[in-house]
């Protein structure tokens, strides 16, 4: 079993969540948990995401943040690309 110690201690991941997928691009990391949540870090990626779906308690792009999905959607996998900070996620409704 892989332990993402630094991610689980720094990212705002709940204690009962487990990381199921990780990917990254130019200066950012994106993480998916078994609860279907998405977390990321990277100031540049933060700037490309709509501010209404990005949050962290610091309200600061320098800290890891949660990316909200529409209600009832659960993310299961993520992919990232260096070019233009592209991120793709696979999810299921319900």
PDB file of N, CA and C in Angstrom:
ATOM      1  N   UNK A   1       0.836  -1.177   0.000  1.00  0.00           N
ATOM      2  CA  UNK A   1       0.000   0.000   0.000  1.00  0.00           C
ATOM      3  C   UNK A   1       0.883   1.244   0.000  1.00  0.00           C
ATOM      4  N   UNK A   2       0.534   2.207  -0.814  1.00  0.00           N
ATOM      5  CA  UNK A   2       1.287   3.447  -0.909  1.00  0.00           C
ATOM      6  C   UNK A   2       0.729   4.437   0.104  1.00  0.00           C
ATOM      7  N   UNK A   3       1.620   5.118   0.810  1.00  0.00           N
ATOM      8  CA  UNK A   3       1.208   6.123   1.781  1.00  0.00           C
ATOM      9  C   UNK A   3       1.647   7.492   1.275  1.00  0.00           C
ATOM     10  N   UNK A   4       0.689   8.331   0.981  1.00  0.00           N
ATOM     11  CA  UNK A   4       0.976   9.686   0.522  1.00  0.00           C
ATOM     12  C   UNK A   4       1.034  10.602   1.738  1.00  0.00           C
ATOM     13  N   UNK A   5       2.018  10.387   2.597  1.00  0.00           N
ATOM     14  CA  UNK A   5       2.109  11.062   3.887  1.00  0.00           C
ATOM     15  C   UNK A   5       2.034  12.584   3.762  1.00  0.00           C
ATOM     16  N   UNK A   6       2.828  13.166   2.901  1.00  0.00           N
ATOM     17  CA  UNK A   6       2.836  14.625   2.801  1.00  0.00           C
ATOM     18  C   UNK A   6       1.530  15.163   2.244  1.00  0.00           C
ATOM     19  N   UNK A   7       0.923  14.461   1.295  1.00  0.00           N
ATOM     20  CA  UNK A   7      -0.357  14.920   0.758  1.00  0.00           C
ATOM     21  C   UNK A   7      -1.437  14.839   1.822  1.00  0.00           C
ATOM     22  N   UNK A   8      -1.529  13.723   2.531  1.00  0.00           N
ATOM     23  CA  UNK A   8      -2.600  13.588   3.522  1.00  0.00           C
ATOM     24  C   UNK A   8      -2.406  14.513   4.713  1.00  0.00           C
ATOM     25  N   UNK A   9      -1.197  14.934   4.993  1.00  0.00           N
ATOM     26  CA  UNK A   9      -0.969  15.851   6.109  1.00  0.00           C
ATOM     27  C   UNK A   9      -1.114  17.320   5.712  1.00  0.00           C
ATOM     28  N   UNK A  10      -0.992  17.647   4.454  1.00  0.00           N
ATOM     29  CA  UNK A  10      -1.043  19.038   4.016  1.00  0.00           C
ATOM     30  C   UNK A  10      -2.371  19.370   3.337  1.00  0.00           C
ATOM     31  N   UNK A  11      -2.890  18.472   2.530  1.00  0.00           N
ATOM     32  CA  UNK A  11      -4.144  18.726   1.818  1.00  0.00           C
ATOM     33  C   UNK A  11      -5.317  18.675   2.794  1.00  0.00           C
ATOM     34  N   UNK A  12      -6.425  19.380   2.484  1.00  0.00           N
ATOM     35  CA  UNK A  12      -7.590  19.382   3.380  1.00  0.00           C
ATOM     36  C   UNK A  12      -8.448  18.121   3.237  1.00  0.00           C
ATOM     37  N   UNK A  13      -7.806  16.964   3.193  1.00  0.00           N
ATOM     38  CA  UNK A  13      -8.511  15.687   3.032  1.00  0.00           C
ATOM     39  C   UNK A  13      -9.056  15.241   4.385  1.00  0.00           C
ATOM     40  N   UNK A  14     -10.302  14.771   4.392  1.00  0.00           N
ATOM     41  CA  UNK A  14     -10.916  14.293   5.627  1.00  0.00           C
ATOM     42  C   UNK A  14     -10.207  13.022   6.099  1.00  0.00           C
ATOM     43  N   UNK A  15     -10.206  12.787   7.404  1.00  0.00           N
ATOM     44  CA  UNK A  15      -9.505  11.634   7.984  1.00  0.00           C
ATOM     45  C   UNK A  15      -9.975  10.291   7.445  1.00  0.00           C
ATOM     46  N   UNK A  16     -11.250  10.173   7.102  1.00  0.00           N
ATOM     47  CA  UNK A  16     -11.776   8.888   6.646  1.00  0.00           C
ATOM     48  C   UNK A  16     -11.711   8.711   5.131  1.00  0.00           C
ATOM     49  N   UNK A  17     -11.042   9.624   4.431  1.00  0.00           N
ATOM     50  CA  UNK A  17     -10.885   9.505   2.981  1.00  0.00           C
ATOM     51  C   UNK A  17      -9.565   8.832   2.633  1.00  0.00           C
ATOM     52  N   UNK A  18      -9.588   8.050   1.561  1.00  0.00           N
ATOM     53  CA  UNK A  18      -8.372   7.406   1.061  1.00  0.00           C
ATOM     54  C   UNK A  18      -8.116   7.896  -0.358  1.00  0.00           C
ATOM     55  N   UNK A  19      -6.867   8.113  -0.676  1.00  0.00           N
ATOM     56  CA  UNK A  19      -6.482   8.544  -2.015  1.00  0.00           C
ATOM     57  C   UNK A  19      -6.572   7.357  -2.968  1.00  0.00           C
ATOM     58  N   UNK A  20      -7.283   7.553  -4.094  1.00  0.00           N
ATOM     59  CA  UNK A  20      -7.423   6.482  -5.077  1.00  0.00           C
ATOM     60  C   UNK A  20      -6.755   6.814  -6.414  1.00  0.00           C
ATOM     61  N   UNK A  21      -6.434   8.092  -6.635  1.00  0.00           N
ATOM     62  CA  UNK A  21      -5.764   8.463  -7.877  1.00  0.00           C
ATOM     63  C   UNK A  21      -5.007   9.777  -7.673  1.00  0.00           C
ATOM     64  N   UNK A  22      -3.864   9.877  -8.318  1.00  0.00           N
ATOM     65  CA  UNK A  22      -3.032  11.080  -8.258  1.00  0.00           C
ATOM     66  C   UNK A  22      -2.441  11.308  -9.644  1.00  0.00           C
ATOM     67  N   UNK A  23      -2.400  12.562 -10.044  1.00  0.00           N
ATOM     68  CA  UNK A  23      -1.720  12.915 -11.286  1.00  0.00           C
ATOM     69  C   UNK A  23      -1.184  14.336 -11.118  1.00  0.00           C
ATOM     70  N   UNK A  24      -0.396  14.761 -12.044  1.00  0.00           N
ATOM     71  CA  UNK A  24       0.168  16.097 -11.930  1.00  0.00           C
ATOM     72  C   UNK A  24       0.579  16.644 -13.266  1.00  0.00           C
ATOM     73  N   UNK A  25       0.843  17.913 -13.266  1.00  0.00           N
ATOM     74  CA  UNK A  25       1.281  18.602 -14.467  1.00  0.00           C
ATOM     75  C   UNK A  25       2.318  19.626 -14.086  1.00  0.00           C
ATOM     76  N   UNK A  26       2.438  20.645 -14.892  1.00  0.00           N
ATOM     77  CA  UNK A  26       3.446  21.672 -14.655  1.00  0.00           C
ATOM     78  C   UNK A  26       3.112  22.452 -13.385  1.00  0.00           C
ATOM     79  N   UNK A  27       3.843  22.154 -12.321  1.00  0.00           N
ATOM     80  CA  UNK A  27       3.710  22.839 -11.033  1.00  0.00           C
ATOM     81  C   UNK A  27       2.378  22.619 -10.328  1.00  0.00           C
ATOM     82  N   UNK A  28       1.722  21.480 -10.534  1.00  0.00           N
ATOM     83  CA  UNK A  28       0.515  21.184  -9.768  1.00  0.00           C
ATOM     84  C   UNK A  28       0.335  19.681  -9.599  1.00  0.00           C
ATOM     85  N   UNK A  29      -0.423  19.316  -8.581  1.00  0.00           N
ATOM     86  CA  UNK A  29      -0.802  17.928  -8.312  1.00  0.00           C
ATOM     87  C   UNK A  29      -2.311  17.908  -8.111  1.00  0.00           C
ATOM     88  N   UNK A  30      -2.954  16.865  -8.611  1.00  0.00           N
ATOM     89  CA  UNK A  30      -4.388  16.676  -8.409  1.00  0.00           C
ATOM     90  C   UNK A  30      -4.603  15.299  -7.797  1.00  0.00           C
ATOM     91  N   UNK A  31      -5.509  15.217  -6.825  1.00  0.00           N
ATOM     92  CA  UNK A  31      -5.745  13.995  -6.051  1.00  0.00           C
ATOM     93  C   UNK A  31      -7.233  13.691  -6.049  1.00  0.00           C
ATOM     94  N   UNK A  32      -7.592  12.407  -6.206  1.00  0.00           N
ATOM     95  CA  UNK A  32      -8.982  11.964  -6.109  1.00  0.00           C
ATOM     96  C   UNK A  32      -9.071  11.006  -4.927  1.00  0.00           C
ATOM     97  N   UNK A  33     -10.150  11.130  -4.145  1.00  0.00           N
ATOM     98  CA  UNK A  33     -10.336  10.245  -2.986  1.00  0.00           C
ATOM     99  C   UNK A  33     -11.477   9.262  -3.224  1.00  0.00           C
ATOM    100  N   UNK A  34     -11.553   8.263  -2.343  1.00  0.00           N
ATOM    101  CA  UNK A  34     -12.600   7.254  -2.464  1.00  0.00           C
ATOM    102  C   UNK A  34     -14.003   7.820  -2.242  1.00  0.00           C
ATOM    103  N   UNK A  35     -14.114   9.007  -1.676  1.00  0.00           N
ATOM    104  CA  UNK A  35     -15.415   9.666  -1.514  1.00  0.00           C
ATOM    105  C   UNK A  35     -15.790  10.474  -2.752  1.00  0.00           C
ATOM    106  N   UNK A  36     -14.911  10.468  -3.768  1.00  0.00           N
ATOM    107  CA  UNK A  36     -15.187  11.181  -4.999  1.00  0.00           C
ATOM    108  C   UNK A  36     -14.826  12.642  -4.980  1.00  0.00           C
ATOM    109  N   UNK A  37     -14.049  13.050  -3.996  1.00  0.00           N
ATOM    110  CA  UNK A  37     -13.617  14.445  -3.898  1.00  0.00           C
ATOM    111  C   UNK A  37     -12.326  14.662  -4.677  1.00  0.00           C
ATOM    112  N   UNK A  38     -12.113  15.911  -5.113  1.00  0.00           N
ATOM    113  CA  UNK A  38     -10.899  16.299  -5.832  1.00  0.00           C
ATOM    114  C   UNK A  38     -10.194  17.371  -5.014  1.00  0.00           C
ATOM    115  N   UNK A  39      -8.892  17.163  -4.829  1.00  0.00           N
ATOM    116  CA  UNK A  39      -8.046  18.145  -4.163  1.00  0.00           C
ATOM    117  C   UNK A  39      -6.869  18.433  -5.075  1.00  0.00           C
ATOM    118  N   UNK A  40      -6.333  19.626  -4.977  1.00  0.00           N
ATOM    119  CA  UNK A  40      -5.201  19.986  -5.826  1.00  0.00           C
ATOM    120  C   UNK A  40      -4.320  20.995  -5.115  1.00  0.00           C
ATOM    121  N   UNK A  41      -3.139  21.184  -5.676  1.00  0.00           N
ATOM    122  CA  UNK A  41      -2.249  22.250  -5.223  1.00  0.00           C
ATOM    123  C   UNK A  41      -1.550  22.809  -6.446  1.00  0.00           C
ATOM    124  N   UNK A  42      -1.175  24.046  -6.353  1.00  0.00           N
ATOM    125  CA  UNK A  42      -0.492  24.726  -7.447  1.00  0.00           C
ATOM    126  C   UNK A  42      -1.164  26.048  -7.748  1.00  0.00           C
ATOM    127  N   UNK A  43      -0.425  27.107  -7.569  1.00  0.00           N
ATOM    128  CA  UNK A  43      -0.968  28.448  -7.772  1.00  0.00           C
ATOM    129  C   UNK A  43      -1.438  28.663  -9.203  1.00  0.00           C
ATOM    130  N   UNK A  44      -0.693  28.158 -10.181  1.00  0.00           N
ATOM    131  CA  UNK A  44      -1.069  28.363 -11.580  1.00  0.00           C
ATOM    132  C   UNK A  44      -2.379  27.666 -11.918  1.00  0.00           C
ATOM    133  N   UNK A  45      -2.545  26.413 -11.491  1.00  0.00           N
ATOM    134  CA  UNK A  45      -3.795  25.693 -11.741  1.00  0.00           C
ATOM    135  C   UNK A  45      -4.952  26.413 -11.063  1.00  0.00           C
ATOM    136  N   UNK A  46      -4.744  26.872  -9.844  1.00  0.00           N
ATOM    137  CA  UNK A  46      -5.766  27.592  -9.079  1.00  0.00           C
ATOM    138  C   UNK A  46      -6.312  28.764  -9.896  1.00  0.00           C
ATOM    139  N   UNK A  47      -5.438  29.459 -10.586  1.00  0.00           N
ATOM    140  CA  UNK A  47      -5.844  30.605 -11.390  1.00  0.00           C
ATOM    141  C   UNK A  47      -6.662  30.249 -12.623  1.00  0.00           C
ATOM    142  N   UNK A  48      -6.545  29.020 -13.098  1.00  0.00           N
ATOM    143  CA  UNK A  48      -7.283  28.598 -14.280  1.00  0.00           C
ATOM    144  C   UNK A  48      -8.660  28.032 -13.948  1.00  0.00           C
ATOM    145  N   UNK A  49      -8.910  27.714 -12.694  1.00  0.00           N
ATOM    146  CA  UNK A  49     -10.178  27.103 -12.294  1.00  0.00           C
ATOM    147  C   UNK A  49     -11.148  28.192 -11.853  1.00  0.00           C
ATOM    148  N   UNK A  50     -12.406  28.028 -12.206  1.00  0.00           N
ATOM    149  CA  UNK A  50     -13.443  28.971 -11.803  1.00  0.00           C
ATOM    150  C   UNK A  50     -13.433  29.117 -10.283  1.00  0.00           C
ATOM    151  N   UNK A  51     -13.319  30.339  -9.805  1.00  0.00           N
ATOM    152  CA  UNK A  51     -13.175  30.585  -8.364  1.00  0.00           C
ATOM    153  C   UNK A  51     -14.375  30.123  -7.545  1.00  0.00           C
ATOM    154  N   UNK A  52     -15.520  29.918  -8.163  1.00  0.00           N
ATOM    155  CA  UNK A  52     -16.708  29.488  -7.419  1.00  0.00           C
ATOM    156  C   UNK A  52     -16.649  28.011  -7.020  1.00  0.00           C
ATOM    157  N   UNK A  53     -15.714  27.239  -7.594  1.00  0.00           N
ATOM    158  CA  UNK A  53     -15.637  25.816  -7.237  1.00  0.00           C
ATOM    159  C   UNK A  53     -14.341  25.448  -6.517  1.00  0.00           C
ATOM    160  N   UNK A  54     -13.497  26.429  -6.221  1.00  0.00           N
ATOM    161  CA  UNK A  54     -12.222  26.177  -5.542  1.00  0.00           C
ATOM    162  C   UNK A  54     -12.297  26.743  -4.129  1.00  0.00           C
ATOM    163  N   UNK A  55     -11.858  25.940  -3.145  1.00  0.00           N
ATOM    164  CA  UNK A  55     -11.904  26.463  -1.777  1.00  0.00           C
ATOM    165  C   UNK A  55     -10.835  25.836  -0.894  1.00  0.00           C
ATOM    166  N   UNK A  56     -10.368  26.627   0.050  1.00  0.00           N
ATOM    167  CA  UNK A  56      -9.546  26.155   1.157  1.00  0.00           C
ATOM    168  C   UNK A  56      -9.770  27.130   2.309  1.00  0.00           C
ATOM    169  N   UNK A  57      -9.469  26.697   3.514  1.00  0.00           N
ATOM    170  CA  UNK A  57      -9.770  27.552   4.670  1.00  0.00           C
ATOM    171  C   UNK A  57      -8.922  28.819   4.697  1.00  0.00           C
ATOM    172  N   UNK A  58      -7.792  28.810   4.015  1.00  0.00           N
ATOM    173  CA  UNK A  58      -6.931  29.988   3.963  1.00  0.00           C
ATOM    174  C   UNK A  58      -7.399  30.992   2.903  1.00  0.00           C
ATOM    175  N   UNK A  59      -8.266  30.536   1.975  1.00  0.00           N
ATOM    176  CA  UNK A  59      -8.703  31.362   0.850  1.00  0.00           C
ATOM    177  C   UNK A  59      -7.485  31.938   0.119  1.00  0.00           C
ATOM    178  N   UNK A  60      -6.519  31.048  -0.146  1.00  0.00           N
ATOM    179  CA  UNK A  60      -5.232  31.465  -0.694  1.00  0.00           C
ATOM    180  C   UNK A  60      -4.727  30.387  -1.649  1.00  0.00           C
ATOM    181  N   UNK A  61      -4.309  30.786  -2.839  1.00  0.00           N
ATOM    182  CA  UNK A  61      -3.854  29.832  -3.849  1.00  0.00           C
ATOM    183  C   UNK A  61      -2.534  29.157  -3.498  1.00  0.00           C
ATOM    184  N   UNK A  62      -1.845  29.646  -2.487  1.00  0.00           N
ATOM    185  CA  UNK A  62      -0.568  29.049  -2.081  1.00  0.00           C
ATOM    186  C   UNK A  62      -0.751  27.763  -1.279  1.00  0.00           C
ATOM    187  N   UNK A  63      -1.974  27.469  -0.868  1.00  0.00           N
ATOM    188  CA  UNK A  63      -2.273  26.283  -0.068  1.00  0.00           C
ATOM    189  C   UNK A  63      -3.106  25.301  -0.892  1.00  0.00           C
ATOM    190  N   UNK A  64      -3.006  23.996  -0.593  1.00  0.00           N
ATOM    191  CA  UNK A  64      -3.846  23.018  -1.295  1.00  0.00           C
ATOM    192  C   UNK A  64      -5.327  23.360  -1.139  1.00  0.00           C
ATOM    193  N   UNK A  65      -6.132  22.986  -2.124  1.00  0.00           N
ATOM    194  CA  UNK A  65      -7.535  23.365  -2.154  1.00  0.00           C
ATOM    195  C   UNK A  65      -8.405  22.221  -2.650  1.00  0.00           C
ATOM    196  N   UNK A  66      -9.689  22.317  -2.343  1.00  0.00           N
ATOM    197  CA  UNK A  66     -10.674  21.351  -2.809  1.00  0.00           C
ATOM    198  C   UNK A  66     -11.347  21.933  -4.039  1.00  0.00           C
ATOM    199  N   UNK A  67     -11.607  21.087  -5.027  1.00  0.00           N
ATOM    200  CA  UNK A  67     -12.337  21.489  -6.224  1.00  0.00           C
ATOM    201  C   UNK A  67     -13.705  20.833  -6.138  1.00  0.00           C
ATOM    202  N   UNK A  68     -14.734  21.638  -6.043  1.00  0.00           N
ATOM    203  CA  UNK A  68     -16.100  21.125  -5.851  1.00  0.00           C
ATOM    204  C   UNK A  68     -16.687  20.624  -7.173  1.00  0.00           C
ATOM    205  N   UNK A  69     -17.397  19.521  -7.080  1.00  0.00           N
ATOM    206  CA  UNK A  69     -18.157  19.000  -8.212  1.00  0.00           C
ATOM    207  C   UNK A  69     -19.617  19.343  -7.992  1.00  0.00           C
ATOM    208  N   UNK A  70     -20.404  19.242  -9.058  1.00  0.00           N
ATOM    209  CA  UNK A  70     -21.840  19.426  -8.895  1.00  0.00           C
ATOM    210  C   UNK A  70     -22.367  18.350  -7.960  1.00  0.00           C
ATOM    211  N   UNK A  71     -23.426  18.668  -7.241  1.00  0.00           N
ATOM    212  CA  UNK A  71     -23.964  17.697  -6.283  1.00  0.00           C
ATOM    213  C   UNK A  71     -24.313  16.390  -6.989  1.00  0.00           C
ATOM    214  N   UNK A  72     -24.166  15.310  -6.276  1.00  0.00           N
ATOM    215  CA  UNK A  72     -24.442  13.948  -6.753  1.00  0.00           C
ATOM    216  C   UNK A  72     -23.384  13.382  -7.693  1.00  0.00           C
ATOM    217  N   UNK A  73     -22.325  14.134  -8.019  1.00  0.00           N
ATOM    218  CA  UNK A  73     -21.274  13.613  -8.869  1.00  0.00           C
ATOM    219  C   UNK A  73     -20.108  13.153  -8.013  1.00  0.00           C
ATOM    220  N   UNK A  74     -19.589  11.985  -8.327  1.00  0.00           N
ATOM    221  CA  UNK A  74     -18.447  11.415  -7.610  1.00  0.00           C
ATOM    222  C   UNK A  74     -17.339  11.157  -8.621  1.00  0.00           C
ATOM    223  N   UNK A  75     -16.191  11.753  -8.398  1.00  0.00           N
ATOM    224  CA  UNK A  75     -15.049  11.567  -9.292  1.00  0.00           C
ATOM    225  C   UNK A  75     -14.360  10.249  -8.951  1.00  0.00           C
ATOM    226  N   UNK A  76     -13.946   9.503  -9.970  1.00  0.00           N
ATOM    227  CA  UNK A  76     -13.285   8.214  -9.751  1.00  0.00           C
ATOM    228  C   UNK A  76     -11.847   8.181 -10.285  1.00  0.00           C
ATOM    229  N   UNK A  77     -11.526   9.067 -11.227  1.00  0.00           N
ATOM    230  CA  UNK A  77     -10.196   9.048 -11.843  1.00  0.00           C
ATOM    231  C   UNK A  77      -9.861  10.443 -12.363  1.00  0.00           C
ATOM    232  N   UNK A  78      -8.562  10.738 -12.403  1.00  0.00           N
ATOM    233  CA  UNK A  78      -8.130  12.038 -12.937  1.00  0.00           C
ATOM    234  C   UNK A  78      -6.933  11.862 -13.860  1.00  0.00           C
ATOM    235  N   UNK A  79      -6.797  12.789 -14.785  1.00  0.00           N
ATOM    236  CA  UNK A  79      -5.647  12.871 -15.674  1.00  0.00           C
ATOM    237  C   UNK A  79      -5.229  14.329 -15.754  1.00  0.00           C
ATOM    238  N   UNK A  80      -3.962  14.570 -15.946  1.00  0.00           N
ATOM    239  CA  UNK A  80      -3.471  15.940 -16.033  1.00  0.00           C
ATOM    240  C   UNK A  80      -2.460  16.055 -17.170  1.00  0.00           C
ATOM    241  N   UNK A  81      -2.262  17.280 -17.628  1.00  0.00           N
ATOM    242  CA  UNK A  81      -1.343  17.545 -18.714  1.00  0.00           C
ATOM    243  C   UNK A  81      -0.629  18.858 -18.431  1.00  0.00           C
ATOM    244  N   UNK A  82       0.647  18.905 -18.714  1.00  0.00           N
ATOM    245  CA  UNK A  82       1.424  20.123 -18.481  1.00  0.00           C
ATOM    246  C   UNK A  82       0.912  21.324 -19.272  1.00  0.00           C
ATOM    247  N   UNK A  83       0.517  21.082 -20.505  1.00  0.00           N
ATOM    248  CA  UNK A  83       0.152  22.165 -21.403  1.00  0.00           C
ATOM    249  C   UNK A  83      -1.149  22.831 -20.973  1.00  0.00           C
ATOM    250  N   UNK A  84      -1.122  24.100 -20.710  1.00  0.00           N
ATOM    251  CA  UNK A  84      -2.293  24.904 -20.347  1.00  0.00           C
ATOM    252  C   UNK A  84      -2.978  24.440 -19.057  1.00  0.00           C
ATOM    253  N   UNK A  85      -2.291  23.689 -18.231  1.00  0.00           N
ATOM    254  CA  UNK A  85      -2.839  23.226 -16.941  1.00  0.00           C
ATOM    255  C   UNK A  85      -4.153  22.459 -17.130  1.00  0.00           C
ATOM    256  N   UNK A  86      -4.207  21.608 -18.135  1.00  0.00           N
ATOM    257  CA  UNK A  86      -5.411  20.821 -18.387  1.00  0.00           C
ATOM    258  C   UNK A  86      -5.564  19.710 -17.358  1.00  0.00           C
ATOM    259  N   UNK A  87      -6.801  19.524 -16.906  1.00  0.00           N
ATOM    260  CA  UNK A  87      -7.156  18.447 -15.984  1.00  0.00           C
ATOM    261  C   UNK A  87      -8.454  17.833 -16.484  1.00  0.00           C
ATOM    262  N   UNK A  88      -8.506  16.519 -16.530  1.00  0.00           N
ATOM    263  CA  UNK A  88      -9.719  15.813 -16.895  1.00  0.00           C
ATOM    264  C   UNK A  88     -10.073  14.884 -15.755  1.00  0.00           C
ATOM    265  N   UNK A  89     -11.363  14.745 -15.495  1.00  0.00           N
ATOM    266  CA  UNK A  89     -11.797  13.822 -14.445  1.00  0.00           C
ATOM    267  C   UNK A  89     -12.909  12.937 -14.992  1.00  0.00           C
ATOM    268  N   UNK A  90     -12.930  11.700 -14.511  1.00  0.00           N
ATOM    269  CA  UNK A  90     -13.994  10.761 -14.829  1.00  0.00           C
ATOM    270  C   UNK A  90     -14.866  10.667 -13.586  1.00  0.00           C
ATOM    271  N   UNK A  91     -16.153  10.802 -13.766  1.00  0.00           N
ATOM    272  CA  UNK A  91     -17.051  10.755 -12.620  1.00  0.00           C
ATOM    273  C   UNK A  91     -18.319   9.996 -12.936  1.00  0.00           C
ATOM    274  N   UNK A  92     -19.065   9.754 -11.882  1.00  0.00           N
ATOM    275  CA  UNK A  92     -20.345   9.073 -12.035  1.00  0.00           C
ATOM    276  C   UNK A  92     -21.388   9.843 -11.228  1.00  0.00           C
ATOM    277  N   UNK A  93     -22.596   9.839 -11.725  1.00  0.00           N
ATOM    278  CA  UNK A  93     -23.695  10.539 -11.070  1.00  0.00           C
ATOM    279  C   UNK A  93     -24.375   9.585 -10.086  1.00  0.00           C
ATOM    280  N   UNK A  94     -24.507  10.059  -8.860  1.00  0.00           N
ATOM    281  CA  UNK A  94     -25.227   9.260  -7.868  1.00  0.00           C
ATOM    282  C   UNK A  94     -24.445   8.672  -6.848  1.00  0.00           C
TER     283      UNK A  94
END
